[in-house]
Amino acid sequence: MIRAINASVRHQLRLAFAIVIAISFLSTGLAIWRLQTLSGDTRALTEQPLLKKRLISKWLLNMSVGAKRTQIQ
């Protein structure tokens, strides 16, 4: 009878530990998936202003070069 009680407690502990490990793996997988999604969204948000900044920079450079060419001295 004592062995039956110990075995059921052992079984319960193993089951509980397995559940904790499974939840841990699931939450880790979900976190990795969400971080990848967030990374893509962040990249999309930063590329658009960066593109505008580069275009403005090129425009300003072209305007200043053009202004220097057409300056009358």
C-alpha atoms as a PDB file:
ATOM      1  CA  MET A   1       0.000   0.000   0.000  1.00  0.00           C
ATOM      2  CA  ILE A   2       2.846   2.422   0.771  1.00  0.00           C
ATOM      3  CA  ARG A   3       4.387   1.721  -2.631  1.00  0.00           C
ATOM      4  CA  ALA A   4       1.100   2.516  -4.339  1.00  0.00           C
ATOM      5  CA  ILE A   5       0.917   5.912  -2.610  1.00  0.00           C
ATOM      6  CA  ASN A   6       4.552   6.704  -3.434  1.00  0.00           C
ATOM      7  CA  ALA A   7       4.095   5.622  -7.030  1.00  0.00           C
ATOM      8  CA  SER A   8       1.056   7.824  -7.494  1.00  0.00           C
ATOM      9  CA  VAL A   9       2.836  10.811  -5.961  1.00  0.00           C
ATOM     10  CA  ARG A  10       5.862  10.100  -8.159  1.00  0.00           C
ATOM     11  CA  HIS A  11       3.579   9.834 -11.160  1.00  0.00           C
ATOM     12  CA  GLN A  12       1.830  13.089 -10.244  1.00  0.00           C
ATOM     13  CA  LEU A  13       5.147  14.903  -9.856  1.00  0.00           C
ATOM     14  CA  ARG A  14       6.386  13.609 -13.201  1.00  0.00           C
ATOM     15  CA  LEU A  15       3.166  14.661 -14.860  1.00  0.00           C
ATOM     16  CA  ALA A  16       3.274  18.116 -13.274  1.00  0.00           C
ATOM     17  CA  PHE A  17       6.911  18.581 -14.305  1.00  0.00           C
ATOM     18  CA  ALA A  18       6.116  17.474 -17.849  1.00  0.00           C
ATOM     19  CA  ILE A  19       3.271  19.987 -18.008  1.00  0.00           C
ATOM     20  CA  VAL A  20       5.543  22.783 -16.747  1.00  0.00           C
ATOM     21  CA  ILE A  21       8.187  21.892 -19.331  1.00  0.00           C
ATOM     22  CA  ALA A  22       5.588  21.754 -22.118  1.00  0.00           C
ATOM     23  CA  ILE A  23       4.191  25.169 -21.154  1.00  0.00           C
ATOM     24  CA  SER A  24       7.733  26.528 -21.040  1.00  0.00           C
ATOM     25  CA  PHE A  25       8.473  25.268 -24.562  1.00  0.00           C
ATOM     26  CA  LEU A  26       5.184  26.621 -25.874  1.00  0.00           C
ATOM     27  CA  SER A  27       5.744  30.063 -24.377  1.00  0.00           C
ATOM     28  CA  THR A  28       9.313  30.150 -25.716  1.00  0.00           C
ATOM     29  CA  GLY A  29       8.115  29.250 -29.194  1.00  0.00           C
ATOM     30  CA  LEU A  30       5.370  31.858 -29.038  1.00  0.00           C
ATOM     31  CA  ALA A  31       7.846  34.506 -27.852  1.00  0.00           C
ATOM     32  CA  ILE A  32      10.267  33.723 -30.689  1.00  0.00           C
ATOM     33  CA  TRP A  33       7.466  33.870 -33.242  1.00  0.00           C
ATOM     34  CA  ARG A  34       6.218  37.214 -31.887  1.00  0.00           C
ATOM     35  CA  LEU A  35       9.752  38.663 -31.836  1.00  0.00           C
ATOM     36  CA  GLN A  36      10.213  37.725 -35.485  1.00  0.00           C
ATOM     37  CA  THR A  37       6.929  39.416 -36.354  1.00  0.00           C
ATOM     38  CA  LEU A  38       7.925  42.468 -34.348  1.00  0.00           C
ATOM     39  CA  SER A  39      11.308  42.558 -36.062  1.00  0.00           C
ATOM     40  CA  GLY A  40       9.670  42.643 -39.472  1.00  0.00           C
ATOM     41  CA  ASP A  41       7.285  45.401 -38.409  1.00  0.00           C
ATOM     42  CA  THR A  42      10.124  47.445 -36.946  1.00  0.00           C
ATOM     43  CA  ARG A  43      12.175  47.043 -40.093  1.00  0.00           C
ATOM     44  CA  ALA A  44       9.236  48.228 -42.199  1.00  0.00           C
ATOM     45  CA  LEU A  45       8.714  51.252 -39.958  1.00  0.00           C
ATOM     46  CA  THR A  46      12.353  52.294 -40.026  1.00  0.00           C
ATOM     47  CA  GLU A  47      12.953  51.756 -43.748  1.00  0.00           C
ATOM     48  CA  GLN A  48      10.254  54.154 -44.863  1.00  0.00           C
ATOM     49  CA  PRO A  49      11.594  57.243 -42.999  1.00  0.00           C
ATOM     50  CA  LEU A  50      15.143  56.219 -43.894  1.00  0.00           C
ATOM     51  CA  LEU A  51      14.230  56.183 -47.583  1.00  0.00           C
ATOM     52  CA  LYS A  52      12.657  59.628 -47.268  1.00  0.00           C
ATOM     53  CA  LYS A  53      15.740  60.929 -45.467  1.00  0.00           C
ATOM     54  CA  ARG A  54      18.014  59.606 -48.194  1.00  0.00           C
ATOM     55  CA  LEU A  55      15.862  61.165 -50.913  1.00  0.00           C
ATOM     56  CA  ILE A  56      15.835  64.511 -49.110  1.00  0.00           C
ATOM     57  CA  SER A  57      19.594  64.316 -48.626  1.00  0.00           C
ATOM     58  CA  LYS A  58      20.169  63.633 -52.321  1.00  0.00           C
ATOM     59  CA  TRP A  59      17.771  66.427 -53.273  1.00  0.00           C
ATOM     60  CA  LEU A  60      19.567  68.893 -50.986  1.00  0.00           C
ATOM     61  CA  LEU A  61      22.953  67.875 -52.395  1.00  0.00           C
ATOM     62  CA  ASN A  62      21.708  68.286 -55.968  1.00  0.00           C
ATOM     63  CA  MET A  63      20.180  71.665 -55.150  1.00  0.00           C
ATOM     64  CA  SER A  64      23.360  72.966 -53.503  1.00  0.00           C
ATOM     65  CA  VAL A  65      25.536  71.718 -56.371  1.00  0.00           C
ATOM     66  CA  GLY A  66      23.161  73.269 -58.876  1.00  0.00           C
ATOM     67  CA  ALA A  67      23.118  76.537 -56.965  1.00  0.00           C
ATOM     68  CA  LYS A  68      26.917  76.676 -56.954  1.00  0.00           C
ATOM     69  CA  ARG A  69      26.979  76.067 -60.714  1.00  0.00           C
ATOM     70  CA  THR A  70      24.515  78.835 -61.493  1.00  0.00           C
ATOM     71  CA  GLN A  71      25.963  81.436 -59.125  1.00  0.00           C
ATOM     72  CA  ILE A  72      27.198  84.526 -60.946  1.00  0.00           C
ATOM     73  CA  GLN A  73      30.312  86.103 -59.557  1.00  0.00           C
END
